[in-house]
Amino acid sequence: MKINGAKPVRRRPKLRGPSREFLRYLAVAGVVVAISLIAPQLPVQLLKNFLRRRHTFDPSSFRQFGARLHKQGLVKMQQRESILTFRLTAGGERLAQQIALTNISIVRPPRWDGLWRVVLFDIPEHDRFTRDSFRALLERIGFVKIQRSVFAHPFPCDKEIELAVRVFHLDRSVILFTATTLSDDRRLRSLFNL
């Protein structure tokens, strides 16, 4: 909607329940999922967790979720004979990454390898919202703040940081490196019970 010549605001589609779950599993399945309406065993194996909550396979429910996501521009849907194919659009991939970002966590290995993972970032003031969101994410997944834009964690987290950098579009603003010692090593070890 335009008000006084202003640009229209594009809102991110809100997904709840099954549609959100369907999009997430579609992303996990590798961007393309073909569902045979004749042989329902295929989707049962591909989307086991999705189907486990529903207890039965109902082709019309997949069609319904796919149609809803297609209408929102998140999925391309095609049907040839008895095969229904879903493909994530660029917007669908972005939203699936954002959903994945809300569920990330860093797994604690049985033994610490003695290396610190340090994240440095320099996000400009005009991107304050992005900077604050990235900082909040680091704190939520267990990083400890060393300085204003320097955070540390003792366990491997390359994939988690890579996902966050991709979702927040911070390719040139974030550096992740490993260090054997930090000046505040003793305090950090006690915080992480190492």
N, C-alpha and C. Protein backbone atom coordinates (compact mmCIF):
# COMPACT_ATOMS: atom_id res chain seq x y z
N MET A 1 0.84 -1.17 0.00
CA MET A 1 0.00 0.00 0.00
C MET A 1 0.90 1.24 0.00
N LYS A 2 0.59 2.20 -0.88
CA LYS A 2 1.36 3.44 -0.93
C LYS A 2 0.65 4.52 -0.13
N ILE A 3 1.43 5.23 0.66
CA ILE A 3 0.89 6.35 1.42
C ILE A 3 1.76 7.56 1.11
N ASN A 4 1.14 8.61 0.59
CA ASN A 4 1.84 9.86 0.28
C ASN A 4 3.10 9.65 -0.56
N GLY A 5 3.02 8.80 -1.58
CA GLY A 5 4.14 8.60 -2.48
C GLY A 5 5.26 7.73 -1.93
N ALA A 6 5.11 7.19 -0.74
CA ALA A 6 6.15 6.33 -0.16
C ALA A 6 6.16 4.98 -0.87
N LYS A 7 7.30 4.32 -0.81
CA LYS A 7 7.42 3.00 -1.42
C LYS A 7 6.60 2.00 -0.61
N PRO A 8 6.01 1.02 -1.30
CA PRO A 8 5.24 0.01 -0.56
C PRO A 8 6.17 -0.85 0.29
N VAL A 9 5.70 -1.23 1.44
CA VAL A 9 6.48 -2.07 2.35
C VAL A 9 6.20 -3.52 2.02
N ARG A 10 7.27 -4.29 1.76
CA ARG A 10 7.11 -5.72 1.48
C ARG A 10 7.25 -6.47 2.79
N ARG A 11 6.23 -7.18 3.12
CA ARG A 11 6.26 -7.94 4.37
C ARG A 11 6.62 -9.38 4.09
N ARG A 12 7.37 -9.96 5.01
CA ARG A 12 7.72 -11.37 4.90
C ARG A 12 6.48 -12.20 5.21
N PRO A 13 6.20 -13.21 4.40
CA PRO A 13 5.02 -14.03 4.67
C PRO A 13 5.11 -14.68 6.04
N LYS A 14 3.99 -14.70 6.74
CA LYS A 14 3.95 -15.35 8.05
C LYS A 14 3.51 -16.78 7.86
N LEU A 15 4.32 -17.68 8.34
CA LEU A 15 3.99 -19.10 8.25
C LEU A 15 3.82 -19.65 9.64
N ARG A 16 2.81 -20.46 9.79
CA ARG A 16 2.57 -21.09 11.08
C ARG A 16 2.38 -22.58 10.87
N GLY A 17 2.66 -23.33 11.90
CA GLY A 17 2.36 -24.75 11.94
C GLY A 17 2.83 -25.55 10.75
N PRO A 18 1.91 -26.28 10.13
CA PRO A 18 2.27 -27.22 9.07
C PRO A 18 2.96 -26.57 7.86
N SER A 19 2.55 -25.38 7.46
CA SER A 19 3.17 -24.74 6.30
C SER A 19 4.63 -24.41 6.59
N ARG A 20 4.90 -23.91 7.79
CA ARG A 20 6.27 -23.58 8.19
C ARG A 20 7.11 -24.86 8.23
N GLU A 21 6.54 -25.90 8.80
CA GLU A 21 7.21 -27.20 8.90
C GLU A 21 7.46 -27.78 7.51
N PHE A 22 6.46 -27.67 6.64
CA PHE A 22 6.57 -28.18 5.27
C PHE A 22 7.71 -27.48 4.54
N LEU A 23 7.81 -26.15 4.68
CA LEU A 23 8.88 -25.39 4.04
C LEU A 23 10.24 -25.82 4.59
N ARG A 24 10.32 -26.01 5.90
CA ARG A 24 11.58 -26.42 6.52
C ARG A 24 12.03 -27.79 6.01
N TYR A 25 11.12 -28.74 5.94
CA TYR A 25 11.49 -30.07 5.46
C TYR A 25 11.76 -30.08 3.96
N LEU A 26 11.10 -29.21 3.23
CA LEU A 26 11.38 -29.09 1.81
C LEU A 26 12.81 -28.60 1.61
N ALA A 27 13.24 -27.66 2.43
CA ALA A 27 14.61 -27.16 2.36
C ALA A 27 15.61 -28.26 2.75
N VAL A 28 15.30 -29.01 3.77
CA VAL A 28 16.17 -30.10 4.23
C VAL A 28 16.27 -31.19 3.17
N ALA A 29 15.17 -31.45 2.48
CA ALA A 29 15.15 -32.52 1.47
C ALA A 29 15.98 -32.17 0.25
N GLY A 30 16.45 -30.93 0.15
CA GLY A 30 17.36 -30.58 -0.93
C GLY A 30 16.74 -29.80 -2.05
N VAL A 31 15.86 -28.89 -1.77
CA VAL A 31 15.27 -27.94 -2.70
C VAL A 31 14.17 -28.55 -3.57
N VAL A 32 14.32 -29.77 -4.03
CA VAL A 32 13.29 -30.36 -4.89
C VAL A 32 12.73 -31.61 -4.23
N VAL A 33 11.43 -31.72 -4.17
CA VAL A 33 10.78 -32.92 -3.67
C VAL A 33 9.71 -33.30 -4.67
N ALA A 34 9.77 -34.51 -5.14
CA ALA A 34 8.72 -35.01 -6.03
C ALA A 34 7.89 -36.00 -5.24
N ILE A 35 6.61 -35.81 -5.26
CA ILE A 35 5.72 -36.67 -4.49
C ILE A 35 4.83 -37.42 -5.45
N SER A 36 4.90 -38.72 -5.38
CA SER A 36 4.06 -39.55 -6.22
C SER A 36 2.71 -39.72 -5.55
N LEU A 37 1.68 -39.40 -6.27
CA LEU A 37 0.34 -39.55 -5.72
C LEU A 37 -0.13 -41.00 -5.81
N ILE A 38 0.60 -41.82 -6.57
CA ILE A 38 0.26 -43.23 -6.69
C ILE A 38 1.00 -44.05 -5.63
N ALA A 39 2.30 -43.74 -5.42
CA ALA A 39 3.12 -44.49 -4.46
C ALA A 39 3.48 -43.60 -3.28
N PRO A 40 2.66 -43.58 -2.25
CA PRO A 40 2.90 -42.68 -1.12
C PRO A 40 4.09 -43.06 -0.25
N GLN A 41 4.79 -44.18 -0.52
CA GLN A 41 5.93 -44.56 0.29
C GLN A 41 7.09 -43.58 0.13
N LEU A 42 7.25 -42.99 -1.04
CA LEU A 42 8.34 -42.07 -1.30
C LEU A 42 8.34 -40.89 -0.34
N PRO A 43 7.26 -40.12 -0.22
CA PRO A 43 7.30 -38.99 0.70
C PRO A 43 7.38 -39.42 2.16
N VAL A 44 6.89 -40.60 2.47
CA VAL A 44 6.97 -41.06 3.86
C VAL A 44 8.42 -41.17 4.27
N GLN A 45 9.28 -41.64 3.36
CA GLN A 45 10.70 -41.77 3.67
C GLN A 45 11.42 -40.43 3.59
N LEU A 46 11.05 -39.59 2.64
CA LEU A 46 11.72 -38.29 2.50
C LEU A 46 11.38 -37.34 3.64
N LEU A 47 10.14 -37.33 4.03
CA LEU A 47 9.67 -36.36 5.03
C LEU A 47 9.13 -37.07 6.27
N LYS A 48 9.90 -38.01 6.77
CA LYS A 48 9.46 -38.85 7.87
C LYS A 48 8.97 -38.03 9.07
N ASN A 49 9.75 -37.04 9.49
CA ASN A 49 9.35 -36.24 10.65
C ASN A 49 8.08 -35.45 10.39
N PHE A 50 7.96 -34.94 9.17
CA PHE A 50 6.76 -34.18 8.83
C PHE A 50 5.52 -35.06 8.92
N LEU A 51 5.65 -36.26 8.40
CA LEU A 51 4.51 -37.17 8.38
C LEU A 51 4.24 -37.79 9.75
N ARG A 52 5.27 -37.93 10.57
CA ARG A 52 5.10 -38.57 11.87
C ARG A 52 4.06 -37.83 12.71
N ARG A 53 4.04 -36.52 12.61
CA ARG A 53 3.07 -35.74 13.38
C ARG A 53 1.65 -35.90 12.86
N ARG A 54 1.52 -36.24 11.57
CA ARG A 54 0.20 -36.35 10.98
C ARG A 54 -0.33 -37.78 10.95
N HIS A 55 0.53 -38.75 11.21
CA HIS A 55 0.20 -40.17 11.31
C HIS A 55 -0.24 -40.81 10.00
N THR A 56 -0.69 -40.06 9.04
CA THR A 56 -1.12 -40.64 7.77
C THR A 56 -0.62 -39.77 6.63
N PHE A 57 -0.56 -40.34 5.45
CA PHE A 57 -0.20 -39.58 4.27
C PHE A 57 -1.46 -39.21 3.52
N ASP A 58 -1.65 -37.94 3.34
CA ASP A 58 -2.81 -37.45 2.61
C ASP A 58 -2.30 -36.56 1.48
N PRO A 59 -2.34 -37.03 0.24
CA PRO A 59 -1.82 -36.24 -0.87
C PRO A 59 -2.45 -34.85 -0.97
N SER A 60 -3.71 -34.74 -0.61
CA SER A 60 -4.36 -33.43 -0.72
C SER A 60 -3.77 -32.43 0.27
N SER A 61 -3.28 -32.91 1.43
CA SER A 61 -2.67 -31.97 2.39
C SER A 61 -1.36 -31.43 1.84
N PHE A 62 -0.57 -32.28 1.16
CA PHE A 62 0.66 -31.79 0.54
C PHE A 62 0.33 -30.77 -0.54
N ARG A 63 -0.68 -31.08 -1.33
CA ARG A 63 -1.10 -30.16 -2.37
C ARG A 63 -1.54 -28.83 -1.75
N GLN A 64 -2.26 -28.91 -0.64
CA GLN A 64 -2.75 -27.71 0.05
C GLN A 64 -1.60 -26.88 0.60
N PHE A 65 -0.64 -27.52 1.30
CA PHE A 65 0.51 -26.78 1.84
C PHE A 65 1.32 -26.18 0.70
N GLY A 66 1.54 -26.99 -0.35
CA GLY A 66 2.29 -26.50 -1.50
C GLY A 66 1.61 -25.33 -2.18
N ALA A 67 0.29 -25.41 -2.33
CA ALA A 67 -0.47 -24.32 -2.97
C ALA A 67 -0.38 -23.04 -2.13
N ARG A 68 -0.45 -23.18 -0.82
CA ARG A 68 -0.36 -22.02 0.06
C ARG A 68 1.02 -21.36 -0.06
N LEU A 69 2.06 -22.17 -0.06
CA LEU A 69 3.42 -21.64 -0.19
C LEU A 69 3.65 -21.08 -1.60
N HIS A 70 3.04 -21.70 -2.61
CA HIS A 70 3.14 -21.21 -3.98
C HIS A 70 2.49 -19.83 -4.10
N LYS A 71 1.34 -19.67 -3.48
CA LYS A 71 0.62 -18.39 -3.51
C LYS A 71 1.45 -17.28 -2.86
N GLN A 72 2.25 -17.64 -1.85
CA GLN A 72 3.09 -16.66 -1.16
C GLN A 72 4.42 -16.44 -1.88
N GLY A 73 4.65 -17.18 -2.98
CA GLY A 73 5.87 -17.00 -3.75
C GLY A 73 7.08 -17.71 -3.17
N LEU A 74 6.86 -18.69 -2.30
CA LEU A 74 7.96 -19.39 -1.65
C LEU A 74 8.32 -20.71 -2.33
N VAL A 75 7.37 -21.26 -3.09
CA VAL A 75 7.55 -22.57 -3.71
C VAL A 75 6.99 -22.54 -5.12
N LYS A 76 7.68 -23.22 -6.05
CA LYS A 76 7.12 -23.46 -7.38
C LYS A 76 6.55 -24.87 -7.34
N MET A 77 5.36 -25.02 -7.87
CA MET A 77 4.66 -26.30 -7.80
C MET A 77 4.28 -26.73 -9.21
N GLN A 78 4.59 -27.98 -9.56
CA GLN A 78 4.23 -28.51 -10.87
C GLN A 78 3.64 -29.89 -10.69
N GLN A 79 2.68 -30.22 -11.55
CA GLN A 79 2.12 -31.56 -11.53
C GLN A 79 2.15 -32.11 -12.94
N ARG A 80 2.82 -33.25 -13.09
CA ARG A 80 2.84 -33.98 -14.36
C ARG A 80 2.30 -35.36 -14.08
N GLU A 81 1.23 -35.69 -14.73
CA GLU A 81 0.55 -36.97 -14.53
C GLU A 81 0.29 -37.17 -13.04
N SER A 82 0.94 -38.17 -12.43
CA SER A 82 0.66 -38.43 -11.02
C SER A 82 1.79 -37.96 -10.11
N ILE A 83 2.71 -37.13 -10.63
CA ILE A 83 3.84 -36.65 -9.84
C ILE A 83 3.65 -35.17 -9.55
N LEU A 84 3.70 -34.83 -8.28
CA LEU A 84 3.60 -33.45 -7.82
C LEU A 84 5.00 -33.03 -7.37
N THR A 85 5.54 -31.96 -7.95
CA THR A 85 6.91 -31.52 -7.66
C THR A 85 6.89 -30.14 -7.01
N PHE A 86 7.65 -30.01 -5.92
CA PHE A 86 7.80 -28.72 -5.24
C PHE A 86 9.26 -28.29 -5.36
N ARG A 87 9.47 -27.01 -5.65
CA ARG A 87 10.82 -26.46 -5.74
C ARG A 87 10.82 -25.11 -5.02
N LEU A 88 11.79 -24.93 -4.12
CA LEU A 88 11.87 -23.66 -3.41
C LEU A 88 12.28 -22.54 -4.35
N THR A 89 11.67 -21.37 -4.20
CA THR A 89 12.11 -20.18 -4.92
C THR A 89 13.23 -19.55 -4.11
N ALA A 90 13.83 -18.48 -4.63
CA ALA A 90 14.88 -17.78 -3.89
C ALA A 90 14.32 -17.26 -2.56
N GLY A 91 13.10 -16.74 -2.60
CA GLY A 91 12.46 -16.26 -1.37
C GLY A 91 12.18 -17.39 -0.39
N GLY A 92 11.81 -18.55 -0.91
CA GLY A 92 11.57 -19.71 -0.07
C GLY A 92 12.85 -20.20 0.60
N GLU A 93 13.95 -20.18 -0.16
CA GLU A 93 15.24 -20.58 0.41
C GLU A 93 15.65 -19.62 1.52
N ARG A 94 15.46 -18.32 1.27
CA ARG A 94 15.81 -17.31 2.28
C ARG A 94 15.01 -17.53 3.55
N LEU A 95 13.70 -17.74 3.40
CA LEU A 95 12.84 -17.94 4.56
C LEU A 95 13.20 -19.24 5.28
N ALA A 96 13.53 -20.29 4.53
CA ALA A 96 13.93 -21.56 5.14
C ALA A 96 15.21 -21.38 5.95
N GLN A 97 16.14 -20.56 5.44
CA GLN A 97 17.37 -20.28 6.19
C GLN A 97 17.07 -19.51 7.47
N GLN A 98 16.14 -18.57 7.40
CA GLN A 98 15.77 -17.81 8.60
C GLN A 98 15.12 -18.73 9.63
N ILE A 99 14.30 -19.66 9.16
CA ILE A 99 13.68 -20.63 10.08
C ILE A 99 14.77 -21.50 10.70
N ALA A 100 15.73 -21.94 9.88
CA ALA A 100 16.83 -22.76 10.40
C ALA A 100 17.64 -21.99 11.43
N LEU A 101 17.79 -20.69 11.22
CA LEU A 101 18.56 -19.86 12.14
C LEU A 101 17.92 -19.79 13.52
N THR A 102 16.60 -19.86 13.57
CA THR A 102 15.92 -19.81 14.88
C THR A 102 16.13 -21.10 15.66
N ASN A 103 16.54 -22.17 14.98
CA ASN A 103 16.70 -23.47 15.64
C ASN A 103 18.15 -23.89 15.85
N ILE A 104 19.13 -23.04 15.50
CA ILE A 104 20.52 -23.49 15.61
C ILE A 104 21.00 -23.51 17.05
N SER A 105 21.92 -24.39 17.29
CA SER A 105 22.60 -24.46 18.59
C SER A 105 23.96 -25.10 18.34
N ILE A 106 24.87 -24.88 19.27
CA ILE A 106 26.21 -25.44 19.15
C ILE A 106 26.29 -26.67 20.05
N VAL A 107 26.69 -27.77 19.45
CA VAL A 107 26.77 -29.05 20.18
C VAL A 107 28.08 -29.11 20.96
N ARG A 108 27.97 -29.49 22.23
CA ARG A 108 29.15 -29.64 23.08
C ARG A 108 29.75 -31.03 22.86
N PRO A 109 30.99 -31.09 22.36
CA PRO A 109 31.62 -32.41 22.17
C PRO A 109 32.04 -33.00 23.51
N PRO A 110 32.31 -34.31 23.54
CA PRO A 110 32.71 -34.94 24.81
C PRO A 110 33.99 -34.36 25.40
N ARG A 111 34.95 -34.00 24.51
CA ARG A 111 36.20 -33.41 24.97
C ARG A 111 36.45 -32.11 24.23
N TRP A 112 36.94 -31.12 24.97
CA TRP A 112 37.29 -29.84 24.37
C TRP A 112 38.63 -29.99 23.65
N ASP A 113 38.74 -29.44 22.45
CA ASP A 113 39.97 -29.55 21.67
C ASP A 113 41.01 -28.49 22.02
N GLY A 114 40.71 -27.63 22.99
CA GLY A 114 41.66 -26.61 23.44
C GLY A 114 41.71 -25.36 22.58
N LEU A 115 40.81 -25.24 21.61
CA LEU A 115 40.79 -24.07 20.73
C LEU A 115 39.57 -23.20 21.02
N TRP A 116 39.78 -21.91 20.95
CA TRP A 116 38.69 -20.95 21.10
C TRP A 116 38.25 -20.51 19.71
N ARG A 117 36.95 -20.43 19.50
CA ARG A 117 36.40 -19.88 18.26
C ARG A 117 36.04 -18.43 18.55
N VAL A 118 36.65 -17.53 17.83
CA VAL A 118 36.45 -16.10 18.08
C VAL A 118 35.77 -15.48 16.86
N VAL A 119 34.70 -14.74 17.12
CA VAL A 119 33.98 -14.03 16.07
C VAL A 119 34.23 -12.54 16.25
N LEU A 120 34.74 -11.91 15.20
CA LEU A 120 34.91 -10.45 15.17
C LEU A 120 33.94 -9.92 14.13
N PHE A 121 33.29 -8.82 14.44
CA PHE A 121 32.43 -8.23 13.42
C PHE A 121 32.49 -6.71 13.48
N ASP A 122 32.35 -6.12 12.32
CA ASP A 122 32.34 -4.67 12.18
C ASP A 122 31.16 -4.32 11.28
N ILE A 123 30.01 -4.11 11.90
CA ILE A 123 28.79 -3.81 11.17
C ILE A 123 28.48 -2.33 11.37
N PRO A 124 28.35 -1.57 10.28
CA PRO A 124 28.17 -0.12 10.38
C PRO A 124 26.94 0.30 11.19
N GLU A 125 26.99 1.51 11.70
CA GLU A 125 25.91 2.07 12.52
C GLU A 125 24.58 2.10 11.77
N HIS A 126 24.63 2.35 10.46
CA HIS A 126 23.36 2.42 9.70
C HIS A 126 22.69 1.04 9.60
N ASP A 127 23.41 -0.04 9.93
CA ASP A 127 22.83 -1.39 9.99
C ASP A 127 22.68 -1.84 11.44
N ARG A 128 22.30 -0.92 12.29
CA ARG A 128 22.22 -1.19 13.73
C ARG A 128 21.31 -2.38 14.05
N PHE A 129 20.17 -2.46 13.37
CA PHE A 129 19.25 -3.56 13.63
C PHE A 129 19.90 -4.91 13.34
N THR A 130 20.59 -4.99 12.20
CA THR A 130 21.30 -6.22 11.83
C THR A 130 22.38 -6.53 12.85
N ARG A 131 23.14 -5.52 13.23
CA ARG A 131 24.22 -5.71 14.20
C ARG A 131 23.68 -6.22 15.53
N ASP A 132 22.62 -5.60 16.02
CA ASP A 132 22.03 -6.02 17.30
C ASP A 132 21.44 -7.42 17.21
N SER A 133 20.83 -7.74 16.06
CA SER A 133 20.27 -9.08 15.87
C SER A 133 21.36 -10.14 15.83
N PHE A 134 22.46 -9.83 15.15
CA PHE A 134 23.59 -10.77 15.07
C PHE A 134 24.20 -10.96 16.45
N ARG A 135 24.38 -9.89 17.17
CA ARG A 135 24.93 -9.95 18.54
C ARG A 135 24.02 -10.79 19.44
N ALA A 136 22.72 -10.57 19.35
CA ALA A 136 21.76 -11.33 20.16
C ALA A 136 21.80 -12.82 19.81
N LEU A 137 21.96 -13.13 18.52
CA LEU A 137 22.06 -14.52 18.10
C LEU A 137 23.30 -15.18 18.71
N LEU A 138 24.44 -14.48 18.65
CA LEU A 138 25.67 -15.03 19.23
C LEU A 138 25.48 -15.33 20.72
N GLU A 139 24.85 -14.42 21.43
CA GLU A 139 24.62 -14.64 22.86
C GLU A 139 23.65 -15.79 23.08
N ARG A 140 22.64 -15.91 22.24
CA ARG A 140 21.65 -16.98 22.39
C ARG A 140 22.26 -18.36 22.18
N ILE A 141 23.20 -18.48 21.26
CA ILE A 141 23.80 -19.80 21.01
C ILE A 141 25.01 -20.07 21.90
N GLY A 142 25.29 -19.19 22.84
CA GLY A 142 26.28 -19.49 23.87
C GLY A 142 27.61 -18.77 23.78
N PHE A 143 27.78 -17.85 22.85
CA PHE A 143 29.02 -17.09 22.78
C PHE A 143 29.10 -16.14 23.97
N VAL A 144 30.34 -15.88 24.40
CA VAL A 144 30.58 -14.94 25.50
C VAL A 144 31.23 -13.70 24.91
N LYS A 145 30.74 -12.56 25.34
CA LYS A 145 31.24 -11.28 24.85
C LYS A 145 32.58 -10.97 25.51
N ILE A 146 33.60 -10.72 24.69
CA ILE A 146 34.91 -10.33 25.20
C ILE A 146 35.05 -8.82 25.11
N GLN A 147 34.65 -8.27 23.99
CA GLN A 147 34.57 -6.83 23.79
C GLN A 147 33.28 -6.56 23.04
N ARG A 148 33.04 -5.30 22.70
CA ARG A 148 31.78 -4.92 22.07
C ARG A 148 31.44 -5.75 20.83
N SER A 149 32.41 -5.99 19.97
CA SER A 149 32.17 -6.75 18.74
C SER A 149 33.06 -7.98 18.63
N VAL A 150 33.44 -8.53 19.77
CA VAL A 150 34.29 -9.72 19.80
C VAL A 150 33.66 -10.73 20.75
N PHE A 151 33.37 -11.92 20.22
CA PHE A 151 32.73 -12.98 21.01
C PHE A 151 33.55 -14.26 20.88
N ALA A 152 33.51 -15.09 21.93
CA ALA A 152 34.27 -16.35 21.92
C ALA A 152 33.41 -17.52 22.34
N HIS A 153 33.77 -18.69 21.82
CA HIS A 153 33.10 -19.95 22.17
C HIS A 153 34.13 -21.07 22.06
N PRO A 154 34.09 -22.06 22.94
CA PRO A 154 35.11 -23.11 22.91
C PRO A 154 34.86 -24.27 21.94
N PHE A 155 33.67 -24.37 21.38
CA PHE A 155 33.35 -25.55 20.58
C PHE A 155 33.18 -25.21 19.10
N PRO A 156 33.40 -26.19 18.21
CA PRO A 156 33.26 -25.95 16.77
C PRO A 156 31.89 -25.38 16.40
N CYS A 157 31.91 -24.32 15.60
CA CYS A 157 30.66 -23.64 15.25
C CYS A 157 30.72 -23.01 13.87
N ASP A 158 31.57 -23.53 13.00
CA ASP A 158 31.74 -22.95 11.66
C ASP A 158 30.44 -22.90 10.88
N LYS A 159 29.71 -24.02 10.87
CA LYS A 159 28.47 -24.08 10.09
C LYS A 159 27.42 -23.11 10.62
N GLU A 160 27.33 -22.99 11.93
CA GLU A 160 26.33 -22.11 12.53
C GLU A 160 26.63 -20.64 12.20
N ILE A 161 27.90 -20.26 12.29
CA ILE A 161 28.28 -18.88 11.97
C ILE A 161 28.12 -18.62 10.48
N GLU A 162 28.48 -19.60 9.67
CA GLU A 162 28.32 -19.46 8.21
C GLU A 162 26.85 -19.23 7.84
N LEU A 163 25.95 -19.97 8.47
CA LEU A 163 24.51 -19.79 8.22
C LEU A 163 24.06 -18.39 8.64
N ALA A 164 24.49 -17.95 9.82
CA ALA A 164 24.11 -16.62 10.31
C ALA A 164 24.64 -15.53 9.38
N VAL A 165 25.88 -15.67 8.93
CA VAL A 165 26.47 -14.68 8.02
C VAL A 165 25.68 -14.63 6.71
N ARG A 166 25.28 -15.80 6.22
CA ARG A 166 24.50 -15.86 4.97
C ARG A 166 23.12 -15.22 5.13
N VAL A 167 22.45 -15.53 6.24
CA VAL A 167 21.10 -14.99 6.45
C VAL A 167 21.12 -13.48 6.67
N PHE A 168 22.10 -13.00 7.43
CA PHE A 168 22.19 -11.56 7.71
C PHE A 168 22.93 -10.77 6.63
N HIS A 169 23.45 -11.46 5.60
CA HIS A 169 24.21 -10.82 4.51
C HIS A 169 25.42 -10.06 5.07
N LEU A 170 26.25 -10.74 5.84
CA LEU A 170 27.39 -10.10 6.49
C LEU A 170 28.73 -10.65 6.00
N ASP A 171 28.79 -11.04 4.73
CA ASP A 171 30.00 -11.67 4.19
C ASP A 171 31.27 -10.87 4.46
N ARG A 172 31.21 -9.58 4.33
CA ARG A 172 32.41 -8.75 4.49
C ARG A 172 32.54 -8.14 5.88
N SER A 173 31.62 -8.45 6.76
CA SER A 173 31.61 -7.81 8.08
C SER A 173 31.99 -8.72 9.23
N VAL A 174 32.10 -10.03 8.98
CA VAL A 174 32.33 -10.99 10.06
C VAL A 174 33.56 -11.84 9.76
N ILE A 175 34.38 -12.03 10.80
CA ILE A 175 35.55 -12.91 10.71
C ILE A 175 35.45 -13.93 11.83
N LEU A 176 35.66 -15.19 11.49
CA LEU A 176 35.70 -16.27 12.48
C LEU A 176 37.09 -16.88 12.42
N PHE A 177 37.76 -16.97 13.57
CA PHE A 177 39.07 -17.60 13.62
C PHE A 177 39.21 -18.40 14.91
N THR A 178 40.24 -19.25 14.96
CA THR A 178 40.50 -20.03 16.16
C THR A 178 41.76 -19.52 16.83
N ALA A 179 41.79 -19.64 18.15
CA ALA A 179 42.94 -19.21 18.95
C ALA A 179 43.22 -20.25 20.02
N THR A 180 44.49 -20.42 20.36
CA THR A 180 44.83 -21.39 21.40
C THR A 180 44.70 -20.79 22.79
N THR A 181 44.96 -19.51 22.91
CA THR A 181 44.80 -18.84 24.22
C THR A 181 44.16 -17.47 24.02
N LEU A 182 43.49 -17.03 25.06
CA LEU A 182 42.91 -15.69 25.09
C LEU A 182 43.34 -15.03 26.40
N SER A 183 43.39 -13.73 26.43
CA SER A 183 43.85 -13.04 27.64
C SER A 183 42.95 -13.33 28.84
N ASP A 184 41.70 -13.59 28.59
CA ASP A 184 40.73 -13.85 29.66
C ASP A 184 40.42 -15.34 29.76
N ASP A 185 41.41 -16.16 29.47
CA ASP A 185 41.26 -17.61 29.36
C ASP A 185 40.66 -18.26 30.60
N ARG A 186 41.17 -17.90 31.76
CA ARG A 186 40.72 -18.54 33.01
C ARG A 186 39.23 -18.28 33.26
N ARG A 187 38.80 -17.04 33.08
CA ARG A 187 37.38 -16.70 33.30
C ARG A 187 36.49 -17.43 32.29
N LEU A 188 36.92 -17.48 31.04
CA LEU A 188 36.14 -18.16 30.01
C LEU A 188 36.04 -19.66 30.27
N ARG A 189 37.14 -20.26 30.70
CA ARG A 189 37.11 -21.70 31.02
C ARG A 189 36.11 -21.99 32.13
N SER A 190 36.07 -21.11 33.13
CA SER A 190 35.12 -21.34 34.23
C SER A 190 33.67 -21.13 33.76
N LEU A 191 33.45 -20.17 32.87
CA LEU A 191 32.09 -19.94 32.35
C LEU A 191 31.57 -21.15 31.57
N PHE A 192 32.47 -21.82 30.84
CA PHE A 192 32.07 -22.97 30.03
C PHE A 192 32.32 -24.31 30.74
N ASN A 193 32.71 -24.26 32.00
CA ASN A 193 33.00 -25.48 32.79
C ASN A 193 34.01 -26.39 32.09
N LEU A 194 35.12 -25.81 31.68
CA LEU A 194 36.17 -26.58 30.98
C LEU A 194 37.30 -26.92 31.93
